[in-house]
Amino acid sequence: MSSTAFQQVPKVRVEDPDTGNGGQPDYTPNVSGLSVLVLDNSFATVMGGGPSEASLPGGVEGQRLTIVGTGKEVVIFVEHPDLKLGNAGSWAGEKGDTLSLVLAGGIWYETGRSKNH
């Protein structure tokens, strides 16, 4: 049987954007090796770097990533050159909402979203 028949166990990290950034509303998480990033955000958080920065640094070609909001506040993604979202280029997620992305050609493309509140 080929080793490609086995899928690696998804790597999950739970993180509060308020931790380690001095409570700033802007947040750019490193997603190296992640398949699920759970954001336990305690305040409204704007995701993604500036126009010349990676929106989600550490990603590798073909990586699939799901962002999950568990906090009380809104997590907001806006479109950057390396981030292509549907719905007018933005995503605002509240508790239980998810955003699914895939990295292809250096650009994170939205593959789905859900509303769970």
C-alpha atoms as a PDB file:
ATOM      1  CA  MET A   1       0.000   0.000   0.000  1.00  0.00           C
ATOM      2  CA  SER A   2       1.318   3.449  -0.914  1.00  0.00           C
ATOM      3  CA  SER A   3       2.153   5.964   1.825  1.00  0.00           C
ATOM      4  CA  THR A   4      -0.110   8.436   0.008  1.00  0.00           C
ATOM      5  CA  ALA A   5      -3.077   6.332   1.127  1.00  0.00           C
ATOM      6  CA  PHE A   6      -2.649   7.680   4.647  1.00  0.00           C
ATOM      7  CA  GLN A   7      -3.563  11.194   5.608  1.00  0.00           C
ATOM      8  CA  GLN A   8      -1.582  12.947   8.301  1.00  0.00           C
ATOM      9  CA  VAL A   9      -3.391  13.821  11.501  1.00  0.00           C
ATOM     10  CA  PRO A  10      -4.538  17.446  11.180  1.00  0.00           C
ATOM     11  CA  LYS A  11      -2.491  19.923  13.165  1.00  0.00           C
ATOM     12  CA  VAL A  12      -4.595  22.264  15.257  1.00  0.00           C
ATOM     13  CA  ARG A  13      -3.571  25.327  17.220  1.00  0.00           C
ATOM     14  CA  VAL A  14      -5.789  27.316  19.563  1.00  0.00           C
ATOM     15  CA  GLU A  15      -4.647  30.885  19.880  1.00  0.00           C
ATOM     16  CA  ASP A  16      -5.870  34.202  21.249  1.00  0.00           C
ATOM     17  CA  PRO A  17      -4.790  37.060  18.967  1.00  0.00           C
ATOM     18  CA  ASP A  18      -4.508  39.210  22.103  1.00  0.00           C
ATOM     19  CA  THR A  19      -1.615  37.057  23.337  1.00  0.00           C
ATOM     20  CA  GLY A  20       1.826  38.336  22.505  1.00  0.00           C
ATOM     21  CA  ASN A  21       0.884  41.353  20.427  1.00  0.00           C
ATOM     22  CA  GLY A  22       0.075  43.874  23.127  1.00  0.00           C
ATOM     23  CA  GLY A  23      -3.645  43.787  22.483  1.00  0.00           C
ATOM     24  CA  GLN A  24      -3.383  45.276  19.007  1.00  0.00           C
ATOM     25  CA  PRO A  25      -6.400  44.691  16.759  1.00  0.00           C
ATOM     26  CA  ASP A  26      -4.202  43.591  13.830  1.00  0.00           C
ATOM     27  CA  TYR A  27      -3.054  39.985  13.790  1.00  0.00           C
ATOM     28  CA  THR A  28      -0.998  37.909  11.340  1.00  0.00           C
ATOM     29  CA  PRO A  29      -0.730  34.275  12.494  1.00  0.00           C
ATOM     30  CA  ASN A  30       2.064  31.990  11.339  1.00  0.00           C
ATOM     31  CA  VAL A  31       0.324  28.904   9.936  1.00  0.00           C
ATOM     32  CA  SER A  32       3.325  26.605   9.464  1.00  0.00           C
ATOM     33  CA  GLY A  33       2.086  23.021   9.415  1.00  0.00           C
ATOM     34  CA  LEU A  34      -1.443  23.906  10.515  1.00  0.00           C
ATOM     35  CA  SER A  35      -4.680  22.593   9.099  1.00  0.00           C
ATOM     36  CA  VAL A  36      -6.937  24.235  11.724  1.00  0.00           C
ATOM     37  CA  LEU A  37      -6.402  27.541  13.519  1.00  0.00           C
ATOM     38  CA  VAL A  38      -8.886  28.146  16.333  1.00  0.00           C
ATOM     39  CA  LEU A  39      -9.047  31.793  17.343  1.00  0.00           C
ATOM     40  CA  ASP A  40     -10.284  32.393  20.855  1.00  0.00           C
ATOM     41  CA  ASN A  41     -10.426  36.104  20.246  1.00  0.00           C
ATOM     42  CA  SER A  42     -11.512  38.420  23.039  1.00  0.00           C
ATOM     43  CA  PHE A  43     -11.839  41.523  20.858  1.00  0.00           C
ATOM     44  CA  ALA A  44     -12.523  42.375  17.227  1.00  0.00           C
ATOM     45  CA  THR A  45      -9.484  41.257  15.232  1.00  0.00           C
ATOM     46  CA  VAL A  46      -8.391  42.255  11.743  1.00  0.00           C
ATOM     47  CA  MET A  47      -6.458  39.427  10.085  1.00  0.00           C
ATOM     48  CA  GLY A  48      -3.719  39.624   7.482  1.00  0.00           C
ATOM     49  CA  GLY A  49      -0.574  41.609   6.848  1.00  0.00           C
ATOM     50  CA  GLY A  50      -0.112  44.788   4.880  1.00  0.00           C
ATOM     51  CA  PRO A  51      -0.018  44.885   1.089  1.00  0.00           C
ATOM     52  CA  SER A  52       3.637  43.832   0.988  1.00  0.00           C
ATOM     53  CA  GLU A  53       3.382  41.211   3.766  1.00  0.00           C
ATOM     54  CA  ALA A  54       2.067  37.658   3.727  1.00  0.00           C
ATOM     55  CA  SER A  55      -1.491  37.397   5.026  1.00  0.00           C
ATOM     56  CA  LEU A  56      -0.809  33.989   6.591  1.00  0.00           C
ATOM     57  CA  PRO A  57       2.964  33.431   6.762  1.00  0.00           C
ATOM     58  CA  GLY A  58       4.408  29.935   6.912  1.00  0.00           C
ATOM     59  CA  GLY A  59       2.003  28.301   4.476  1.00  0.00           C
ATOM     60  CA  VAL A  60       3.169  25.744   1.905  1.00  0.00           C
ATOM     61  CA  GLU A  61       1.820  25.056  -1.566  1.00  0.00           C
ATOM     62  CA  GLY A  62      -1.371  22.992  -1.444  1.00  0.00           C
ATOM     63  CA  GLN A  63      -1.917  23.592   2.284  1.00  0.00           C
ATOM     64  CA  ARG A  64      -5.530  23.600   3.378  1.00  0.00           C
ATOM     65  CA  LEU A  65      -6.404  25.736   6.362  1.00  0.00           C
ATOM     66  CA  THR A  66      -9.608  26.264   8.320  1.00  0.00           C
ATOM     67  CA  ILE A  67      -9.947  29.310  10.566  1.00  0.00           C
ATOM     68  CA  VAL A  68     -12.456  28.842  13.407  1.00  0.00           C
ATOM     69  CA  GLY A  69     -13.724  31.699  15.557  1.00  0.00           C
ATOM     70  CA  THR A  70     -14.652  30.795  19.139  1.00  0.00           C
ATOM     71  CA  GLY A  71     -14.552  34.196  20.804  1.00  0.00           C
ATOM     72  CA  LYS A  72     -17.353  36.646  21.379  1.00  0.00           C
ATOM     73  CA  GLU A  73     -16.029  39.226  18.966  1.00  0.00           C
ATOM     74  CA  VAL A  74     -15.715  39.352  15.193  1.00  0.00           C
ATOM     75  CA  VAL A  75     -12.649  38.149  13.267  1.00  0.00           C
ATOM     76  CA  ILE A  76     -12.301  40.073  10.017  1.00  0.00           C
ATOM     77  CA  PHE A  77     -10.270  39.130   6.953  1.00  0.00           C
ATOM     78  CA  VAL A  78      -9.828  41.663   4.194  1.00  0.00           C
ATOM     79  CA  GLU A  79      -8.446  40.960   0.740  1.00  0.00           C
ATOM     80  CA  HIS A  80      -4.719  41.385   0.254  1.00  0.00           C
ATOM     81  CA  PRO A  81      -2.697  40.530  -2.892  1.00  0.00           C
ATOM     82  CA  ASP A  82      -2.104  36.983  -1.558  1.00  0.00           C
ATOM     83  CA  LEU A  83      -5.622  36.433  -0.172  1.00  0.00           C
ATOM     84  CA  LYS A  84      -8.597  35.940  -2.487  1.00  0.00           C
ATOM     85  CA  LEU A  85     -11.920  35.791  -0.683  1.00  0.00           C
ATOM     86  CA  GLY A  86     -15.432  35.625  -2.046  1.00  0.00           C
ATOM     87  CA  ASN A  87     -18.207  37.944  -0.874  1.00  0.00           C
ATOM     88  CA  ALA A  88     -16.572  41.215  -1.970  1.00  0.00           C
ATOM     89  CA  GLY A  89     -13.117  40.182  -0.761  1.00  0.00           C
ATOM     90  CA  SER A  90     -13.780  40.022   2.962  1.00  0.00           C
ATOM     91  CA  TRP A  91     -14.900  37.663   5.722  1.00  0.00           C
ATOM     92  CA  ALA A  92     -16.331  38.599   9.107  1.00  0.00           C
ATOM     93  CA  GLY A  93     -16.648  35.585  11.389  1.00  0.00           C
ATOM     94  CA  GLU A  94     -18.235  35.382  14.801  1.00  0.00           C
ATOM     95  CA  LYS A  95     -18.352  32.581  17.366  1.00  0.00           C
ATOM     96  CA  GLY A  96     -18.490  29.188  15.630  1.00  0.00           C
ATOM     97  CA  ASP A  97     -18.003  30.538  12.110  1.00  0.00           C
ATOM     98  CA  THR A  98     -15.378  28.986   9.862  1.00  0.00           C
ATOM     99  CA  LEU A  99     -13.382  30.068   6.827  1.00  0.00           C
ATOM    100  CA  SER A 100     -11.629  27.435   4.687  1.00  0.00           C
ATOM    101  CA  LEU A 101      -8.630  28.317   2.501  1.00  0.00           C
ATOM    102  CA  VAL A 102      -6.145  26.598   0.223  1.00  0.00           C
ATOM    103  CA  LEU A 103      -2.718  27.928  -0.816  1.00  0.00           C
ATOM    104  CA  ALA A 104      -2.098  27.700  -4.565  1.00  0.00           C
ATOM    105  CA  GLY A 105       0.552  29.600  -6.491  1.00  0.00           C
ATOM    106  CA  GLY A 106       1.368  31.718  -3.459  1.00  0.00           C
ATOM    107  CA  ILE A 107      -2.226  32.885  -3.030  1.00  0.00           C
ATOM    108  CA  TRP A 108      -4.706  31.768  -0.354  1.00  0.00           C
ATOM    109  CA  TYR A 109      -8.048  31.054  -2.014  1.00  0.00           C
ATOM    110  CA  GLU A 110     -11.303  30.695  -0.131  1.00  0.00           C
ATOM    111  CA  THR A 111     -12.836  27.232  -0.539  1.00  0.00           C
ATOM    112  CA  GLY A 112     -15.781  27.639   1.815  1.00  0.00           C
ATOM    113  CA  ARG A 113     -17.302  29.324   4.843  1.00  0.00           C
ATOM    114  CA  SER A 114     -19.952  28.514   7.376  1.00  0.00           C
ATOM    115  CA  LYS A 115     -22.120  30.394   9.854  1.00  0.00           C
ATOM    116  CA  ASN A 116     -22.711  28.499  13.086  1.00  0.00           C
ATOM    117  CA  HIS A 117     -24.297  30.934  15.483  1.00  0.00           C
END
